[in-house]
């Protein structure tokens, strides 16, 4: 009986350690997924800002060429 109790305790400790390891791994994966999502969102925002800036520059260039120049 004593040996069974020791084996049970050892198994419980091993299982608890494995559960803790899995929790940490899951948290890391979740954190990496969130980071990846944030990076993708930031990339999309940067792309939109670049497009808007490019459009504004084109509008500014078009407006400047529409005005006659003094000679």
C-alpha atoms as a PDB file:
ATOM      1  CA  UNK A   1       0.000   0.000   0.000  1.00  0.00           C
ATOM      2  CA  UNK A   2       2.805   2.421   0.837  1.00  0.00           C
ATOM      3  CA  UNK A   3       4.345   1.874  -2.599  1.00  0.00           C
ATOM      4  CA  UNK A   4       0.986   2.574  -4.267  1.00  0.00           C
ATOM      5  CA  UNK A   5       0.659   5.834  -2.332  1.00  0.00           C
ATOM      6  CA  UNK A   6       4.169   6.882  -3.374  1.00  0.00           C
ATOM      7  CA  UNK A   7       3.455   6.045  -7.011  1.00  0.00           C
ATOM      8  CA  UNK A   8       0.176   7.943  -6.869  1.00  0.00           C
ATOM      9  CA  UNK A   9       1.922  11.010  -5.406  1.00  0.00           C
ATOM     10  CA  UNK A  10       4.679  10.828  -8.016  1.00  0.00           C
ATOM     11  CA  UNK A  11       2.112  10.523 -10.798  1.00  0.00           C
ATOM     12  CA  UNK A  12       0.122  13.481  -9.441  1.00  0.00           C
ATOM     13  CA  UNK A  13       3.280  15.605  -9.299  1.00  0.00           C
ATOM     14  CA  UNK A  14       4.241  14.632 -12.837  1.00  0.00           C
ATOM     15  CA  UNK A  15       0.742  15.406 -14.101  1.00  0.00           C
ATOM     16  CA  UNK A  16       0.682  18.762 -12.315  1.00  0.00           C
ATOM     17  CA  UNK A  17       4.051  19.682 -13.841  1.00  0.00           C
ATOM     18  CA  UNK A  18       2.841  18.685 -17.307  1.00  0.00           C
ATOM     19  CA  UNK A  19      -0.374  20.706 -16.916  1.00  0.00           C
ATOM     20  CA  UNK A  20       1.711  23.739 -15.896  1.00  0.00           C
ATOM     21  CA  UNK A  21       4.021  23.267 -18.877  1.00  0.00           C
ATOM     22  CA  UNK A  22       1.026  23.022 -21.231  1.00  0.00           C
ATOM     23  CA  UNK A  23      -0.525  26.160 -19.739  1.00  0.00           C
ATOM     24  CA  UNK A  24       2.696  28.078 -20.310  1.00  0.00           C
ATOM     25  CA  UNK A  25       2.977  26.769 -23.872  1.00  0.00           C
ATOM     26  CA  UNK A  26      -0.639  27.708 -24.588  1.00  0.00           C
ATOM     27  CA  UNK A  27      -0.047  31.209 -23.205  1.00  0.00           C
ATOM     28  CA  UNK A  28       3.037  31.615 -25.413  1.00  0.00           C
ATOM     29  CA  UNK A  29       1.164  30.459 -28.505  1.00  0.00           C
ATOM     30  CA  UNK A  30      -1.743  32.749 -27.675  1.00  0.00           C
ATOM     31  CA  UNK A  31       0.639  35.645 -27.133  1.00  0.00           C
ATOM     32  CA  UNK A  32       2.385  34.959 -30.443  1.00  0.00           C
ATOM     33  CA  UNK A  33      -0.987  34.777 -32.215  1.00  0.00           C
ATOM     34  CA  UNK A  34      -2.013  38.111 -30.711  1.00  0.00           C
ATOM     35  CA  UNK A  35       1.308  39.646 -31.655  1.00  0.00           C
ATOM     36  CA  UNK A  36       0.948  38.330 -35.194  1.00  0.00           C
ATOM     37  CA  UNK A  37      -2.565  39.751 -35.393  1.00  0.00           C
ATOM     38  CA  UNK A  38      -1.376  43.146 -34.136  1.00  0.00           C
ATOM     39  CA  UNK A  39       1.484  43.159 -36.632  1.00  0.00           C
ATOM     40  CA  UNK A  40      -0.898  42.338 -39.489  1.00  0.00           C
ATOM     41  CA  UNK A  41      -3.256  45.102 -38.380  1.00  0.00           C
ATOM     42  CA  UNK A  42      -0.387  47.604 -38.154  1.00  0.00           C
ATOM     43  CA  UNK A  43       0.840  46.575 -41.603  1.00  0.00           C
ATOM     44  CA  UNK A  44      -2.638  47.162 -43.019  1.00  0.00           C
ATOM     45  CA  UNK A  45      -2.832  50.580 -41.359  1.00  0.00           C
ATOM     46  CA  UNK A  46       0.620  51.513 -42.682  1.00  0.00           C
ATOM     47  CA  UNK A  47      -0.423  50.438 -46.191  1.00  0.00           C
ATOM     48  CA  UNK A  48      -3.604  52.530 -46.011  1.00  0.00           C
ATOM     49  CA  UNK A  49      -1.658  55.555 -44.764  1.00  0.00           C
ATOM     50  CA  UNK A  50       0.860  55.146 -47.575  1.00  0.00           C
ATOM     51  CA  UNK A  51      -1.942  55.001 -50.145  1.00  0.00           C
ATOM     52  CA  UNK A  52      -3.608  58.105 -48.712  1.00  0.00           C
ATOM     53  CA  UNK A  53      -0.306  59.978 -48.665  1.00  0.00           C
ATOM     54  CA  UNK A  54       0.386  58.931 -52.254  1.00  0.00           C
ATOM     55  CA  UNK A  55      -3.077  60.070 -53.357  1.00  0.00           C
ATOM     56  CA  UNK A  56      -2.608  63.407 -51.578  1.00  0.00           C
ATOM     57  CA  UNK A  57       0.753  63.938 -53.297  1.00  0.00           C
ATOM     58  CA  UNK A  58      -0.840  63.178 -56.666  1.00  0.00           C
ATOM     59  CA  UNK A  59      -3.658  65.643 -55.954  1.00  0.00           C
ATOM     60  CA  UNK A  60      -1.180  68.291 -54.852  1.00  0.00           C
ATOM     61  CA  UNK A  61       0.910  67.749 -57.992  1.00  0.00           C
ATOM     62  CA  UNK A  62      -2.191  67.933 -60.186  1.00  0.00           C
ATOM     63  CA  UNK A  63      -3.350  71.145 -58.509  1.00  0.00           C
ATOM     64  CA  UNK A  64       0.080  72.725 -58.882  1.00  0.00           C
ATOM     65  CA  UNK A  65       0.229  71.949 -62.593  1.00  0.00           C
ATOM     66  CA  UNK A  66      -3.286  73.361 -63.139  1.00  0.00           C
ATOM     67  CA  UNK A  67      -2.190  76.855 -62.114  1.00  0.00           C
ATOM     68  CA  UNK A  68      -0.527  78.901 -64.812  1.00  0.00           C
ATOM     69  CA  UNK A  69       3.041  79.850 -64.181  1.00  0.00           C
ATOM     70  CA  UNK A  70       4.256  83.421 -64.307  1.00  0.00           C
ATOM     71  CA  UNK A  71       6.695  84.121 -67.084  1.00  0.00           C
END
